[in-house]
C-alpha atoms as a PDB file:
ATOM      1  CA  UNK A   1       9.723  20.494   9.035  1.00  0.00           C
ATOM      2  CA  UNK A   2       8.479  23.339   6.811  1.00  0.00           C
ATOM      3  CA  UNK A   3       4.748  23.521   6.151  1.00  0.00           C
ATOM      4  CA  UNK A   4       5.221  22.930   2.410  1.00  0.00           C
ATOM      5  CA  UNK A   5       7.097  19.697   3.037  1.00  0.00           C
ATOM      6  CA  UNK A   6       4.539  18.640   5.659  1.00  0.00           C
ATOM      7  CA  UNK A   7       1.778  19.191   3.109  1.00  0.00           C
ATOM      8  CA  UNK A   8       3.557  17.049   0.514  1.00  0.00           C
ATOM      9  CA  UNK A   9       4.214  14.244   3.004  1.00  0.00           C
ATOM     10  CA  UNK A  10       0.632  14.379   4.286  1.00  0.00           C
ATOM     11  CA  UNK A  11      -0.840  14.223   0.782  1.00  0.00           C
ATOM     12  CA  UNK A  12       1.406  11.321  -0.222  1.00  0.00           C
ATOM     13  CA  UNK A  13       0.493   9.421   2.944  1.00  0.00           C
ATOM     14  CA  UNK A  14      -3.205  10.090   2.328  1.00  0.00           C
ATOM     15  CA  UNK A  15      -2.924   8.742  -1.222  1.00  0.00           C
ATOM     16  CA  UNK A  16      -1.197   5.577   0.043  1.00  0.00           C
ATOM     17  CA  UNK A  17      -3.940   5.237   2.661  1.00  0.00           C
ATOM     18  CA  UNK A  18      -6.765   5.484   0.142  1.00  0.00           C
ATOM     19  CA  UNK A  19      -5.085   2.952  -2.136  1.00  0.00           C
ATOM     20  CA  UNK A  20      -4.492   0.749   0.902  1.00  0.00           C
ATOM     21  CA  UNK A  21      -8.199   0.552   1.618  1.00  0.00           C
ATOM     22  CA  UNK A  22      -8.855  -0.844  -1.839  1.00  0.00           C
ATOM     23  CA  UNK A  23      -5.660  -2.929  -2.052  1.00  0.00           C
ATOM     24  CA  UNK A  24      -5.337  -4.667   1.322  1.00  0.00           C
ATOM     25  CA  UNK A  25      -1.580  -5.156   0.924  1.00  0.00           C
ATOM     26  CA  UNK A  26      -0.908  -1.516   1.838  1.00  0.00           C
ATOM     27  CA  UNK A  27      -1.903   0.046   5.155  1.00  0.00           C
ATOM     28  CA  UNK A  28      -5.137   1.972   4.701  1.00  0.00           C
ATOM     29  CA  UNK A  29      -7.027   3.906   7.322  1.00  0.00           C
ATOM     30  CA  UNK A  30      -4.145   4.163   9.767  1.00  0.00           C
ATOM     31  CA  UNK A  31      -1.987   5.812   7.093  1.00  0.00           C
ATOM     32  CA  UNK A  32      -4.640   8.472   6.584  1.00  0.00           C
ATOM     33  CA  UNK A  33      -4.671   9.175  10.335  1.00  0.00           C
ATOM     34  CA  UNK A  34      -0.859   9.508  10.202  1.00  0.00           C
ATOM     35  CA  UNK A  35      -1.223  11.925   7.270  1.00  0.00           C
ATOM     36  CA  UNK A  36      -3.675  14.024   9.263  1.00  0.00           C
ATOM     37  CA  UNK A  37      -1.313  13.983  12.244  1.00  0.00           C
ATOM     38  CA  UNK A  38       1.700  15.011  10.138  1.00  0.00           C
ATOM     39  CA  UNK A  39      -0.230  18.003   8.851  1.00  0.00           C
ATOM     40  CA  UNK A  40      -1.570  18.892  12.305  1.00  0.00           C
ATOM     41  CA  UNK A  41       1.881  18.823  13.914  1.00  0.00           C
ATOM     42  CA  UNK A  42       3.959  20.464  11.171  1.00  0.00           C
ATOM     43  CA  UNK A  43       1.377  22.383   9.178  1.00  0.00           C
ATOM     44  CA  UNK A  44       1.406  25.336  11.545  1.00  0.00           C
ATOM     45  CA  UNK A  45      -2.335  25.909  11.493  1.00  0.00           C
ATOM     46  CA  UNK A  46      -5.183  25.401  13.933  1.00  0.00           C
ATOM     47  CA  UNK A  47      -7.192  24.032  11.012  1.00  0.00           C
ATOM     48  CA  UNK A  48      -4.742  21.131  10.861  1.00  0.00           C
ATOM     49  CA  UNK A  49      -5.790  20.046  14.347  1.00  0.00           C
ATOM     50  CA  UNK A  50      -9.466  20.407  13.481  1.00  0.00           C
ATOM     51  CA  UNK A  51      -8.935  18.284  10.365  1.00  0.00           C
ATOM     52  CA  UNK A  52      -7.003  15.754  12.450  1.00  0.00           C
ATOM     53  CA  UNK A  53      -9.739  15.456  15.082  1.00  0.00           C
ATOM     54  CA  UNK A  54     -12.706  15.256  12.729  1.00  0.00           C
ATOM     55  CA  UNK A  55     -10.860  13.184  10.122  1.00  0.00           C
ATOM     56  CA  UNK A  56      -9.650  10.672  12.699  1.00  0.00           C
ATOM     57  CA  UNK A  57     -13.186  10.205  14.007  1.00  0.00           C
ATOM     58  CA  UNK A  58     -14.436   9.684  10.436  1.00  0.00           C
ATOM     59  CA  UNK A  59     -11.683   7.199   9.575  1.00  0.00           C
ATOM     60  CA  UNK A  60     -12.183   5.238  12.784  1.00  0.00           C
ATOM     61  CA  UNK A  61     -15.944   5.191  12.259  1.00  0.00           C
ATOM     62  CA  UNK A  62     -15.507   3.917   8.699  1.00  0.00           C
ATOM     63  CA  UNK A  63     -13.003   1.222   9.650  1.00  0.00           C
ATOM     64  CA  UNK A  64     -15.141   0.083  12.580  1.00  0.00           C
ATOM     65  CA  UNK A  65     -18.324   0.022  10.515  1.00  0.00           C
ATOM     66  CA  UNK A  66     -16.562  -1.910   7.775  1.00  0.00           C
ATOM     67  CA  UNK A  67     -15.216  -4.481  10.209  1.00  0.00           C
ATOM     68  CA  UNK A  68     -18.466  -4.939  12.122  1.00  0.00           C
ATOM     69  CA  UNK A  69     -20.673  -5.112   9.024  1.00  0.00           C
ATOM     70  CA  UNK A  70     -18.427  -7.658   7.315  1.00  0.00           C
ATOM     71  CA  UNK A  71     -18.111  -9.728  10.485  1.00  0.00           C
ATOM     72  CA  UNK A  72     -21.856  -9.719  11.139  1.00  0.00           C
ATOM     73  CA  UNK A  73     -22.727 -10.762   7.584  1.00  0.00           C
ATOM     74  CA  UNK A  74     -20.155 -13.557   7.513  1.00  0.00           C
ATOM     75  CA  UNK A  75     -21.088 -14.852  10.945  1.00  0.00           C
ATOM     76  CA  UNK A  76     -24.767 -14.898   9.970  1.00  0.00           C
ATOM     77  CA  UNK A  77     -23.965 -17.506   7.313  1.00  0.00           C
ATOM     78  CA  UNK A  78     -21.265 -19.204   9.438  1.00  0.00           C
ATOM     79  CA  UNK A  79     -18.483 -18.406   6.967  1.00  0.00           C
ATOM     80  CA  UNK A  80     -15.162 -18.970   8.767  1.00  0.00           C
ATOM     81  CA  UNK A  81     -12.159 -16.671   8.447  1.00  0.00           C
ATOM     82  CA  UNK A  82      -9.711 -19.156   6.987  1.00  0.00           C
ATOM     83  CA  UNK A  83     -11.099 -19.113   3.408  1.00  0.00           C
ATOM     84  CA  UNK A  84     -10.798 -15.322   3.375  1.00  0.00           C
ATOM     85  CA  UNK A  85      -7.251 -15.386   4.716  1.00  0.00           C
ATOM     86  CA  UNK A  86      -6.124 -18.054   2.265  1.00  0.00           C
ATOM     87  CA  UNK A  87      -7.822 -16.195  -0.587  1.00  0.00           C
ATOM     88  CA  UNK A  88      -6.156 -12.917   0.327  1.00  0.00           C
ATOM     89  CA  UNK A  89      -2.750 -14.591   0.520  1.00  0.00           C
ATOM     90  CA  UNK A  90      -3.195 -16.257  -2.875  1.00  0.00           C
ATOM     91  CA  UNK A  91      -4.518 -12.975  -4.287  1.00  0.00           C
ATOM     92  CA  UNK A  92      -1.411 -11.108  -3.128  1.00  0.00           C
ATOM     93  CA  UNK A  93       0.870 -13.733  -4.669  1.00  0.00           C
ATOM     94  CA  UNK A  94      -1.197 -13.723  -7.872  1.00  0.00           C
ATOM     95  CA  UNK A  95      -0.885  -9.941  -8.012  1.00  0.00           C
ATOM     96  CA  UNK A  96       2.866 -10.350  -8.571  1.00  0.00           C
ATOM     97  CA  UNK A  97       2.292 -12.916 -11.296  1.00  0.00           C
ATOM     98  CA  UNK A  98      -0.500 -11.001 -13.032  1.00  0.00           C
ATOM     99  CA  UNK A  99      -0.234  -7.319 -12.104  1.00  0.00           C
ATOM    100  CA  UNK A 100      -3.450  -5.311 -11.783  1.00  0.00           C
ATOM    101  CA  UNK A 101      -5.811  -8.294 -12.064  1.00  0.00           C
ATOM    102  CA  UNK A 102      -4.018 -10.963 -10.065  1.00  0.00           C
ATOM    103  CA  UNK A 103      -5.292  -9.813  -6.692  1.00  0.00           C
ATOM    104  CA  UNK A 104      -8.928  -9.859  -7.747  1.00  0.00           C
ATOM    105  CA  UNK A 105      -8.779 -13.044  -9.822  1.00  0.00           C
ATOM    106  CA  UNK A 106      -6.629 -14.906  -7.293  1.00  0.00           C
ATOM    107  CA  UNK A 107      -8.870 -13.856  -4.412  1.00  0.00           C
ATOM    108  CA  UNK A 108     -12.149 -14.752  -6.125  1.00  0.00           C
ATOM    109  CA  UNK A 109     -11.043 -18.100  -7.536  1.00  0.00           C
ATOM    110  CA  UNK A 110      -9.372 -19.176  -4.295  1.00  0.00           C
ATOM    111  CA  UNK A 111     -12.374 -18.111  -2.237  1.00  0.00           C
ATOM    112  CA  UNK A 112     -14.686 -20.174  -4.413  1.00  0.00           C
ATOM    113  CA  UNK A 113     -12.392 -23.210  -4.243  1.00  0.00           C
ATOM    114  CA  UNK A 114     -11.994 -22.919  -0.452  1.00  0.00           C
ATOM    115  CA  UNK A 115     -15.730 -22.590   0.024  1.00  0.00           C
ATOM    116  CA  UNK A 116     -16.361 -25.525  -2.306  1.00  0.00           C
ATOM    117  CA  UNK A 117     -13.973 -27.649  -0.258  1.00  0.00           C
ATOM    118  CA  UNK A 118     -15.640 -26.474   2.955  1.00  0.00           C
ATOM    119  CA  UNK A 119     -19.338 -26.874   2.063  1.00  0.00           C
ATOM    120  CA  UNK A 120     -18.974 -29.656  -0.557  1.00  0.00           C
ATOM    121  CA  UNK A 121     -21.543 -28.279  -3.023  1.00  0.00           C
ATOM    122  CA  UNK A 122     -20.906 -25.801  -5.776  1.00  0.00           C
ATOM    123  CA  UNK A 123     -24.251 -24.036  -5.315  1.00  0.00           C
ATOM    124  CA  UNK A 124     -23.611 -23.376  -1.610  1.00  0.00           C
ATOM    125  CA  UNK A 125     -19.994 -22.408  -2.324  1.00  0.00           C
ATOM    126  CA  UNK A 126     -21.165 -19.850  -4.887  1.00  0.00           C
ATOM    127  CA  UNK A 127     -23.704 -18.496  -2.409  1.00  0.00           C
ATOM    128  CA  UNK A 128     -21.283 -18.115   0.502  1.00  0.00           C
ATOM    129  CA  UNK A 129     -18.517 -16.773  -1.747  1.00  0.00           C
ATOM    130  CA  UNK A 130     -20.864 -14.157  -3.166  1.00  0.00           C
ATOM    131  CA  UNK A 131     -21.949 -13.212   0.353  1.00  0.00           C
ATOM    132  CA  UNK A 132     -18.321 -12.820   1.427  1.00  0.00           C
ATOM    133  CA  UNK A 133     -17.411 -10.717  -1.611  1.00  0.00           C
ATOM    134  CA  UNK A 134     -20.511  -8.553  -1.193  1.00  0.00           C
ATOM    135  CA  UNK A 135     -19.870  -8.057   2.527  1.00  0.00           C
ATOM    136  CA  UNK A 136     -16.217  -7.186   2.023  1.00  0.00           C
ATOM    137  CA  UNK A 137     -17.090  -4.857  -0.862  1.00  0.00           C
ATOM    138  CA  UNK A 138     -19.768  -3.013   1.075  1.00  0.00           C
ATOM    139  CA  UNK A 139     -17.466  -2.642   4.067  1.00  0.00           C
ATOM    140  CA  UNK A 140     -14.721  -1.376   1.782  1.00  0.00           C
ATOM    141  CA  UNK A 141     -17.064   1.208   0.230  1.00  0.00           C
ATOM    142  CA  UNK A 142     -18.094   2.490   3.665  1.00  0.00           C
ATOM    143  CA  UNK A 143     -14.489   2.689   4.855  1.00  0.00           C
ATOM    144  CA  UNK A 144     -13.419   4.341   1.601  1.00  0.00           C
ATOM    145  CA  UNK A 145     -16.175   6.942   1.850  1.00  0.00           C
ATOM    146  CA  UNK A 146     -15.157   7.909   5.378  1.00  0.00           C
ATOM    147  CA  UNK A 147     -11.488   7.954   4.371  1.00  0.00           C
ATOM    148  CA  UNK A 148     -12.209  10.201   1.387  1.00  0.00           C
ATOM    149  CA  UNK A 149     -14.118  12.546   3.698  1.00  0.00           C
ATOM    150  CA  UNK A 150     -11.040  12.714   5.959  1.00  0.00           C
ATOM    151  CA  UNK A 151      -8.810  13.321   2.926  1.00  0.00           C
ATOM    152  CA  UNK A 152     -11.119  16.127   1.821  1.00  0.00           C
ATOM    153  CA  UNK A 153     -10.755  17.705   5.255  1.00  0.00           C
ATOM    154  CA  UNK A 154      -6.991  17.374   4.931  1.00  0.00           C
ATOM    155  CA  UNK A 155      -7.029  19.009   1.500  1.00  0.00           C
ATOM    156  CA  UNK A 156      -9.208  21.882   2.693  1.00  0.00           C
ATOM    157  CA  UNK A 157      -6.951  22.410   5.695  1.00  0.00           C
ATOM    158  CA  UNK A 158      -3.832  22.435   3.529  1.00  0.00           C
ATOM    159  CA  UNK A 159      -5.342  24.762   0.956  1.00  0.00           C
ATOM    160  CA  UNK A 160      -6.652  27.224   3.541  1.00  0.00           C
ATOM    161  CA  UNK A 161      -3.314  27.268   5.342  1.00  0.00           C
ATOM    162  CA  UNK A 162      -0.964  27.482   2.381  1.00  0.00           C
ATOM    163  CA  UNK A 163      -2.960  29.376  -0.228  1.00  0.00           C
ATOM    164  CA  UNK A 164      -4.996  31.851   1.788  1.00  0.00           C
END
């Protein structure tokens, strides 16, 4: 594969990966690692391998931190996984019915309803739902930051190899 084509494929994969972190329907962090690998293998530059190594560590650190932080916060309040899974599923379906806002609205409303059914009081359901949303959001921000760092490394590697 020519280096120009490898650069295009790597950038497109990185974009899908970044979007996938925010929109959980698409693969996120793993797609960014694949983008880094595509550039490392077919980019024809030692900088591609450096970007792959450092970027992969950053992406894995971000995904791990996101997972562990979210898990710890939800376990601290004894929030089970099923309301989150049901909410995500409904959010994905709602995204097809109401593009752009369906995922968020479907997820939030379903999470609140599931928590209300689980804890039986609206006040507690609002509290645990807010905790879940905050935990997931913070984890997503951490993972996104690490992924954007890896994408920046990819961009620098591509620019230094193709332009200079």
